[in-house]
């Protein structure tokens, strides 16, 4: 089995497949630790997967910040805070999410995969897929100027938003809305609390959370049309956006960038199919809509668990990783993520519409406990169906 990509999706898939008895090679074009444009947020439920992989204690000991919930602020200053433990009917795996640098998270996960028996090669990129008719039979890997063909019973594309595996399979697809994300590490941000914060503007938003050591992650999502302005002066563009919101203008007036601003996108992406004969997509390579709810790392880890199980079952007893035998993975993903896909679209579309977010924050603030439900659903601690009632949906409507 060959896994392309050493982020949370790839390492989760690889480690759990190796535990199931498969021989696994994982490659990534980067050399770790490496920086990654990401909000660097993990929902409370993601810690269940970190525990299963044996890295949660290591990540917390490395300085991950605990986040008790989320504060949402609309462009007119209206705000509401929801907490993961606010509703006694739903008990989270842990009462907090985590803010953790990807340099810490990804390196820990890569080591966990190696401990599970995965062969890990860094600085190795995908050059192309090997095929026999409709079947994917392996890949050609590139290390410097050297090309190496590798045969594999199944190739897993865990190579992120702009997946080369998805493109090679002919299933990559762009959707709407088209947005870009800019991610900064800032020192000197004032009044960072125990909750993550989302500030919504007209057509854009930015999330802010403490990362430890006096540094905050600020992840900004903006229209794709702003690409030329971003390219001309990325840091200047970032500062001008922060300065346009009064609270953030004051709190970041003396903040400094501690690494270059990173840019990723465009969103949204969803593969037409996530399985093929001899291949499977997981994590952002399979789909990514919008980062407002912070689903990326959790979906990658949990998707890796589902992928590893499906692959192990398909290959058991000398079986093949045919599209038909991998079909249980498609069904398992649908069961696991269908409701969250709906929530992502509701919130992702609303987040950049000021009138909607003003109404949303005000209504939630007047409905005791409902904000905790919304934040809990975004944090994977509350079933999305608990929100699908007239009373709770009313926060968006009146």
Protein backbone atom coordinates (compact mmCIF):
# COMPACT_ATOMS: atom_id res chain seq x y z
CA UNK A 1 0.00 0.00 0.00
CA UNK A 2 1.33 3.44 -0.97
CA UNK A 3 0.17 6.63 0.76
CA UNK A 4 0.89 9.98 -0.90
CA UNK A 5 0.94 12.73 1.72
CA UNK A 6 2.21 12.89 5.30
CA UNK A 7 -0.38 15.16 6.91
CA UNK A 8 -3.08 13.99 9.35
CA UNK A 9 -5.08 12.13 6.69
CA UNK A 10 -2.10 10.24 5.31
CA UNK A 11 -0.48 9.38 8.64
CA UNK A 12 -3.78 8.26 10.15
CA UNK A 13 -4.53 6.02 7.17
CA UNK A 14 -1.01 4.63 7.06
CA UNK A 15 -0.63 3.96 10.80
CA UNK A 16 -3.98 2.21 11.16
CA UNK A 17 -3.48 0.17 7.98
CA UNK A 18 -0.08 -0.94 9.26
CA UNK A 19 -1.65 -1.96 12.56
CA UNK A 20 -4.10 -4.05 10.55
CA UNK A 21 -1.16 -5.98 9.12
CA UNK A 22 -0.59 -4.22 5.79
CA UNK A 23 2.82 -3.28 4.45
CA UNK A 24 2.70 0.50 3.99
CA UNK A 25 4.97 3.06 2.34
CA UNK A 26 4.19 6.73 3.03
CA UNK A 27 5.86 9.54 1.08
CA UNK A 28 5.68 13.31 1.30
CA UNK A 29 7.45 15.89 -0.83
CA UNK A 30 8.26 17.96 2.31
CA UNK A 31 10.89 17.34 4.95
CA UNK A 32 9.41 17.51 8.44
CA UNK A 33 8.85 19.53 10.50
CA UNK A 34 7.32 21.82 7.93
CA UNK A 35 5.00 24.80 8.10
CA UNK A 36 1.50 24.46 6.69
CA UNK A 37 -1.21 27.08 6.02
CA UNK A 38 -3.87 25.96 8.49
CA UNK A 39 -6.02 27.39 11.28
CA UNK A 40 -4.24 24.83 13.49
CA UNK A 41 -7.40 23.99 15.39
CA UNK A 42 -8.58 20.53 16.47
CA UNK A 43 -12.12 19.95 17.68
CA UNK A 44 -12.68 18.07 20.97
CA UNK A 45 -13.63 14.92 19.08
CA UNK A 46 -10.33 14.96 17.19
CA UNK A 47 -8.59 14.12 20.47
CA UNK A 48 -10.25 10.70 20.35
CA UNK A 49 -8.31 9.98 17.16
CA UNK A 50 -5.11 11.46 18.57
CA UNK A 51 -5.51 9.15 21.58
CA UNK A 52 -6.01 6.13 19.34
CA UNK A 53 -2.84 7.03 17.45
CA UNK A 54 -0.92 7.44 20.71
CA UNK A 55 0.03 11.11 20.31
CA UNK A 56 -2.44 13.17 22.36
CA UNK A 57 -0.30 13.38 25.49
CA UNK A 58 2.77 14.21 23.39
CA UNK A 59 0.96 17.02 21.58
CA UNK A 60 -0.46 18.53 24.74
CA UNK A 61 2.93 18.33 26.44
CA UNK A 62 4.46 20.16 23.47
CA UNK A 63 2.39 23.24 24.33
CA UNK A 64 -0.96 22.85 22.59
CA UNK A 65 -3.43 25.42 23.87
CA UNK A 66 -6.78 24.24 25.21
CA UNK A 67 -9.83 25.99 23.74
CA UNK A 68 -13.08 25.85 25.72
CA UNK A 69 -15.33 27.04 22.91
CA UNK A 70 -15.80 29.70 20.27
CA UNK A 71 -16.62 33.41 20.33
CA UNK A 72 -18.29 34.78 17.17
CA UNK A 73 -18.26 38.51 16.42
CA UNK A 74 -20.20 40.09 13.55
CA UNK A 75 -19.05 43.19 11.70
CA UNK A 76 -21.15 45.52 13.89
CA UNK A 77 -19.63 44.17 17.12
CA UNK A 78 -22.53 41.90 18.09
CA UNK A 79 -21.09 38.76 19.69
CA UNK A 80 -21.92 35.42 21.22
CA UNK A 81 -19.83 32.74 22.90
CA UNK A 82 -20.60 29.02 22.91
CA UNK A 83 -18.79 26.38 24.93
CA UNK A 84 -18.24 22.70 24.25
CA UNK A 85 -19.64 21.60 27.63
CA UNK A 86 -22.65 23.92 27.70
CA UNK A 87 -25.39 21.35 27.08
CA UNK A 88 -25.62 18.52 29.65
CA UNK A 89 -27.28 16.19 27.11
CA UNK A 90 -24.06 15.89 25.13
CA UNK A 91 -20.77 14.92 26.75
CA UNK A 92 -17.69 15.62 24.61
CA UNK A 93 -14.75 13.23 24.50
CA UNK A 94 -12.78 16.07 26.10
CA UNK A 95 -14.20 19.41 27.33
CA UNK A 96 -11.84 21.37 25.11
CA UNK A 97 -10.42 21.58 21.63
CA UNK A 98 -6.76 22.16 20.87
CA UNK A 99 -4.79 24.84 19.07
CA UNK A 100 -1.51 23.27 18.01
CA UNK A 101 1.15 24.18 15.48
CA UNK A 102 1.23 21.95 12.44
CA UNK A 103 4.99 21.62 12.89
CA UNK A 104 4.21 19.84 16.17
CA UNK A 105 1.10 17.92 15.11
CA UNK A 106 2.31 16.56 11.79
CA UNK A 107 5.72 15.55 13.09
CA UNK A 108 4.16 13.66 16.01
CA UNK A 109 1.74 11.87 13.68
CA UNK A 110 4.53 10.96 11.27
CA UNK A 111 6.53 9.44 14.13
CA UNK A 112 3.43 7.52 15.24
CA UNK A 113 3.07 6.07 11.75
CA UNK A 114 6.72 4.98 11.79
CA UNK A 115 6.23 3.34 15.20
CA UNK A 116 3.28 1.42 13.75
CA UNK A 117 5.58 -0.06 11.11
CA UNK A 118 5.06 2.36 8.22
CA UNK A 119 8.06 3.04 5.98
CA UNK A 120 8.28 6.84 5.79
CA UNK A 121 10.19 8.69 3.07
CA UNK A 122 10.43 12.46 3.23
CA UNK A 123 11.40 14.70 0.33
CA UNK A 124 9.72 12.31 -2.13
CA UNK A 125 7.00 13.58 -4.48
CA UNK A 126 4.47 11.95 -6.78
CA UNK A 127 5.43 12.15 -10.44
CA UNK A 128 2.53 10.11 -11.82
CA UNK A 129 0.37 7.04 -11.36
CA UNK A 130 1.10 3.61 -12.82
CA UNK A 131 -1.83 1.92 -14.55
CA UNK A 132 -2.84 -1.35 -16.13
CA UNK A 133 -5.99 -0.57 -18.04
CA UNK A 134 -8.46 1.03 -15.65
CA UNK A 135 -6.48 -0.13 -12.60
CA UNK A 136 -4.03 1.98 -10.63
CA UNK A 137 -1.11 -0.33 -9.88
CA UNK A 138 1.32 2.04 -8.20
CA UNK A 139 3.10 5.31 -8.78
CA UNK A 140 6.27 6.89 -10.07
CA UNK A 141 8.00 8.75 -7.26
CA UNK A 142 10.46 11.60 -7.67
CA UNK A 143 13.34 12.32 -5.32
CA UNK A 144 15.51 15.09 -6.72
CA UNK A 145 16.24 14.05 -10.31
CA UNK A 146 15.60 10.36 -9.63
CA UNK A 147 12.37 8.68 -10.73
CA UNK A 148 11.40 5.39 -9.07
CA UNK A 149 8.39 3.24 -10.04
CA UNK A 150 6.70 1.64 -7.02
CA UNK A 151 4.08 -1.08 -7.34
CA UNK A 152 1.25 -1.03 -4.79
CA UNK A 153 -1.99 -2.92 -4.26
CA UNK A 154 -3.67 0.40 -3.49
CA UNK A 155 -2.57 4.05 -3.76
CA UNK A 156 -4.03 6.50 -1.24
CA UNK A 157 -4.22 10.15 -2.22
CA UNK A 158 -3.80 12.13 1.00
CA UNK A 159 -2.03 15.02 -0.69
CA UNK A 160 -4.32 17.86 0.24
CA UNK A 161 -6.43 20.52 -1.37
CA UNK A 162 -4.67 20.53 -4.74
CA UNK A 163 -4.30 16.76 -4.85
CA UNK A 164 -2.13 15.43 -7.68
CA UNK A 165 -3.64 11.99 -7.12
CA UNK A 166 -7.18 13.33 -7.62
CA UNK A 167 -6.05 15.15 -10.75
CA UNK A 168 -4.33 12.05 -12.13
CA UNK A 169 -7.49 10.02 -11.49
CA UNK A 170 -9.51 12.64 -13.38
CA UNK A 171 -11.87 13.25 -10.46
CA UNK A 172 -10.70 16.65 -9.17
CA UNK A 173 -13.46 19.24 -9.24
CA UNK A 174 -13.70 22.87 -8.17
CA UNK A 175 -16.85 24.22 -6.63
CA UNK A 176 -18.13 27.47 -5.21
CA UNK A 177 -17.60 29.77 -3.46
CA UNK A 178 -14.08 30.56 -4.68
CA UNK A 179 -12.09 31.78 -1.69
CA UNK A 180 -8.48 32.05 -0.58
CA UNK A 181 -7.08 31.64 2.92
CA UNK A 182 -4.20 33.60 4.42
CA UNK A 183 -2.64 32.29 7.62
CA UNK A 184 -0.36 34.31 9.89
CA UNK A 185 1.43 33.75 13.17
CA UNK A 186 1.33 36.96 15.17
CA UNK A 187 2.99 37.97 18.42
CA UNK A 188 1.56 40.77 20.53
CA UNK A 189 -2.16 40.15 19.95
CA UNK A 190 -3.93 41.51 23.01
CA UNK A 191 -6.52 39.78 25.23
CA UNK A 192 -6.36 36.25 23.93
CA UNK A 193 -8.74 34.13 26.00
CA UNK A 194 -9.62 30.48 26.43
CA UNK A 195 -11.87 30.41 23.34
CA UNK A 196 -11.15 30.65 19.66
CA UNK A 197 -12.61 33.74 18.01
CA UNK A 198 -14.24 34.28 14.61
CA UNK A 199 -14.61 37.84 13.30
CA UNK A 200 -16.92 38.25 10.30
CA UNK A 201 -16.70 41.08 7.79
CA UNK A 202 -18.44 41.81 4.51
CA UNK A 203 -17.42 38.95 2.22
CA UNK A 204 -14.63 37.67 4.46
CA UNK A 205 -13.78 36.46 7.96
CA UNK A 206 -10.80 35.78 10.20
CA UNK A 207 -10.29 33.32 13.05
CA UNK A 208 -7.89 34.04 15.91
CA UNK A 209 -6.66 31.65 18.60
CA UNK A 210 -3.70 31.44 20.97
CA UNK A 211 -1.00 28.95 19.97
CA UNK A 212 1.13 29.32 23.10
CA UNK A 213 4.33 31.18 23.72
CA UNK A 214 2.67 34.55 23.13
CA UNK A 215 1.84 33.67 19.51
CA UNK A 216 -1.62 33.62 17.92
CA UNK A 217 -2.79 31.94 14.73
CA UNK A 218 -4.84 34.31 12.55
CA UNK A 219 -6.50 32.52 9.63
CA UNK A 220 -8.29 34.80 7.15
CA UNK A 221 -10.65 33.72 4.35
CA UNK A 222 -11.21 36.25 1.56
CA UNK A 223 -12.63 36.41 -1.98
CA UNK A 224 -10.59 34.75 -4.72
CA UNK A 225 -10.78 38.01 -6.69
CA UNK A 226 -8.43 39.60 -4.14
CA UNK A 227 -5.59 37.38 -5.37
CA UNK A 228 -3.73 40.14 -7.28
CA UNK A 229 -3.81 42.49 -4.27
CA UNK A 230 -2.57 39.69 -2.02
CA UNK A 231 0.28 38.88 -4.42
CA UNK A 232 1.40 42.54 -4.51
CA UNK A 233 1.68 42.95 -0.73
CA UNK A 234 0.58 39.95 1.30
CA UNK A 235 1.39 41.34 4.75
CA UNK A 236 0.03 44.76 3.87
CA UNK A 237 -3.22 43.22 2.66
CA UNK A 238 -3.48 41.15 5.84
CA UNK A 239 -2.94 44.17 8.10
CA UNK A 240 -5.46 46.28 6.19
CA UNK A 241 -8.13 43.63 6.66
CA UNK A 242 -7.43 43.38 10.40
CA UNK A 243 -7.55 47.16 10.70
CA UNK A 244 -11.01 47.29 9.10
CA UNK A 245 -12.61 45.65 12.16
CA UNK A 246 -12.49 48.00 15.17
CA UNK A 247 -11.86 45.38 17.86
CA UNK A 248 -9.11 43.64 15.91
CA UNK A 249 -7.61 46.96 14.85
CA UNK A 250 -7.09 47.82 18.51
CA UNK A 251 -5.97 44.36 19.63
CA UNK A 252 -3.45 43.87 16.80
CA UNK A 253 -2.15 47.46 16.60
CA UNK A 254 1.27 46.40 17.88
CA UNK A 255 1.25 42.80 16.68
CA UNK A 256 4.16 41.50 14.64
CA UNK A 257 4.41 38.70 12.09
CA UNK A 258 6.67 35.92 13.35
CA UNK A 259 6.69 34.02 10.05
CA UNK A 260 5.70 34.95 6.48
CA UNK A 261 1.96 34.96 5.79
CA UNK A 262 1.01 31.72 4.00
CA UNK A 263 -1.67 31.56 1.30
CA UNK A 264 -3.73 28.58 0.19
CA UNK A 265 -6.79 27.87 -1.93
CA UNK A 266 -8.92 28.29 -3.81
CA UNK A 267 -11.83 26.61 -2.05
CA UNK A 268 -14.12 24.71 -2.51
CA UNK A 269 -13.12 21.27 -3.78
CA UNK A 270 -14.90 17.95 -3.91
CA UNK A 271 -13.77 14.91 -5.88
CA UNK A 272 -16.36 13.41 -8.21
CA UNK A 273 -15.46 10.02 -6.75
CA UNK A 274 -13.30 9.09 -3.78
CA UNK A 275 -12.51 5.52 -4.85
CA UNK A 276 -11.23 3.94 -8.07
CA UNK A 277 -9.85 0.54 -8.96
CA UNK A 278 -6.64 0.50 -6.96
CA UNK A 279 -6.92 3.99 -5.47
CA UNK A 280 -8.68 5.99 -2.76
CA UNK A 281 -8.80 9.65 -1.67
CA UNK A 282 -8.86 10.84 1.93
CA UNK A 283 -8.86 14.18 3.76
CA UNK A 284 -8.75 17.42 1.77
CA UNK A 285 -7.88 15.44 -1.36
CA UNK A 286 -11.41 14.03 -1.18
CA UNK A 287 -13.25 17.23 -0.29
CA UNK A 288 -12.87 20.59 1.37
CA UNK A 289 -15.59 23.21 1.43
CA UNK A 290 -14.80 26.04 3.84
CA UNK A 291 -12.65 26.32 6.98
CA UNK A 292 -15.09 28.30 9.17
CA UNK A 293 -16.10 25.30 11.29
CA UNK A 294 -12.51 24.08 11.64
CA UNK A 295 -13.30 20.62 10.31
CA UNK A 296 -10.13 19.95 8.36
CA UNK A 297 -7.91 18.12 10.85
CA UNK A 298 -10.72 16.15 12.49
CA UNK A 299 -12.10 15.06 9.10
CA UNK A 300 -8.60 14.05 8.01
CA UNK A 301 -7.96 11.93 11.10
CA UNK A 302 -11.39 10.32 11.15
CA UNK A 303 -11.37 9.83 7.38
CA UNK A 304 -8.02 8.06 7.71
CA UNK A 305 -9.56 5.67 10.20
CA UNK A 306 -12.39 4.89 7.79
CA UNK A 307 -10.02 4.50 4.85
CA UNK A 308 -7.66 2.14 6.68
CA UNK A 309 -10.53 -0.11 7.73
CA UNK A 310 -11.99 -0.24 4.21
CA UNK A 311 -8.62 -0.99 2.62
CA UNK A 312 -7.76 -3.70 5.13
CA UNK A 313 -11.14 -5.35 4.54
CA UNK A 314 -10.80 -5.11 0.76
CA UNK A 315 -7.34 -6.68 0.73
CA UNK A 316 -8.11 -9.36 3.33
CA UNK A 317 -7.61 -12.94 2.17
CA UNK A 318 -5.81 -11.91 -1.01
CA UNK A 319 -8.61 -9.60 -2.15
CA UNK A 320 -8.16 -6.61 -4.42
CA UNK A 321 -8.78 -2.91 -3.88
CA UNK A 322 -11.38 -2.70 -6.59
CA UNK A 323 -13.80 0.18 -6.70
CA UNK A 324 -16.54 -2.25 -5.71
CA UNK A 325 -14.65 -3.63 -2.72
CA UNK A 326 -13.76 -0.11 -1.57
CA UNK A 327 -17.40 1.00 -1.76
CA UNK A 328 -17.90 0.56 2.03
CA UNK A 329 -15.51 3.51 2.46
CA UNK A 330 -17.84 5.71 0.42
CA UNK A 331 -20.80 4.70 2.56
CA UNK A 332 -18.84 5.10 5.81
CA UNK A 333 -17.76 8.63 4.86
CA UNK A 334 -21.32 9.55 4.06
CA UNK A 335 -22.56 8.29 7.42
CA UNK A 336 -19.75 9.99 9.32
CA UNK A 337 -19.75 13.38 7.59
CA UNK A 338 -23.07 13.93 5.79
CA UNK A 339 -24.62 16.08 8.52
CA UNK A 340 -21.43 18.07 8.96
CA UNK A 341 -21.26 18.73 5.22
CA UNK A 342 -24.69 20.34 5.55
CA UNK A 343 -23.62 22.42 8.55
CA UNK A 344 -20.43 23.51 6.79
CA UNK A 345 -22.45 24.83 3.85
CA UNK A 346 -24.97 26.65 6.01
CA UNK A 347 -22.30 28.34 8.12
CA UNK A 348 -19.78 28.83 5.30
CA UNK A 349 -22.31 30.67 3.15
CA UNK A 350 -23.63 32.75 6.05
CA UNK A 351 -20.22 33.74 7.44
CA UNK A 352 -19.50 36.29 4.71
CA UNK A 353 -22.99 37.87 4.71
CA UNK A 354 -23.02 40.63 7.32
CA UNK A 355 -26.80 40.91 7.67
CA UNK A 356 -27.08 37.17 8.30
CA UNK A 357 -24.23 37.08 10.83
CA UNK A 358 -25.56 40.10 12.72
CA UNK A 359 -28.91 38.42 13.06
CA UNK A 360 -27.28 35.10 13.94
CA UNK A 361 -25.11 36.46 16.76
CA UNK A 362 -27.91 38.54 18.25
CA UNK A 363 -30.43 35.70 18.16
CA UNK A 364 -28.01 33.21 19.65
CA UNK A 365 -27.17 35.65 22.41
CA UNK A 366 -30.84 35.77 23.41
CA UNK A 367 -31.41 31.99 23.34
CA UNK A 368 -29.85 30.39 26.38
CA UNK A 369 -27.92 27.26 25.50
CA UNK A 370 -28.45 27.44 21.75
CA UNK A 371 -25.02 28.97 21.14
CA UNK A 372 -23.48 26.02 22.98
CA UNK A 373 -25.34 23.65 20.66
CA UNK A 374 -24.12 25.43 17.52
CA UNK A 375 -20.52 25.55 18.74
CA UNK A 376 -20.77 21.95 19.96
CA UNK A 377 -22.00 20.82 16.55
CA UNK A 378 -19.13 22.64 14.86
CA UNK A 379 -16.78 21.00 17.39
CA UNK A 380 -18.16 17.50 16.73
CA UNK A 381 -19.49 17.14 20.28
CA UNK A 382 -23.19 17.65 19.41
CA UNK A 383 -25.02 15.78 16.62
CA UNK A 384 -25.95 18.19 13.84
CA UNK A 385 -29.49 16.82 13.91
CA UNK A 386 -29.90 18.45 17.34
CA UNK A 387 -29.80 21.80 15.51
CA UNK A 388 -32.31 20.87 12.83
CA UNK A 389 -35.35 22.06 14.74
CA UNK A 390 -37.42 25.22 14.08
CA UNK A 391 -36.29 26.74 17.36
CA UNK A 392 -32.60 26.35 16.69
CA UNK A 393 -32.70 27.17 12.99
CA UNK A 394 -34.60 30.32 13.92
CA UNK A 395 -31.28 31.90 14.91
CA UNK A 396 -30.62 32.28 11.18
CA UNK A 397 -34.16 33.22 10.17
CA UNK A 398 -35.66 35.75 12.58
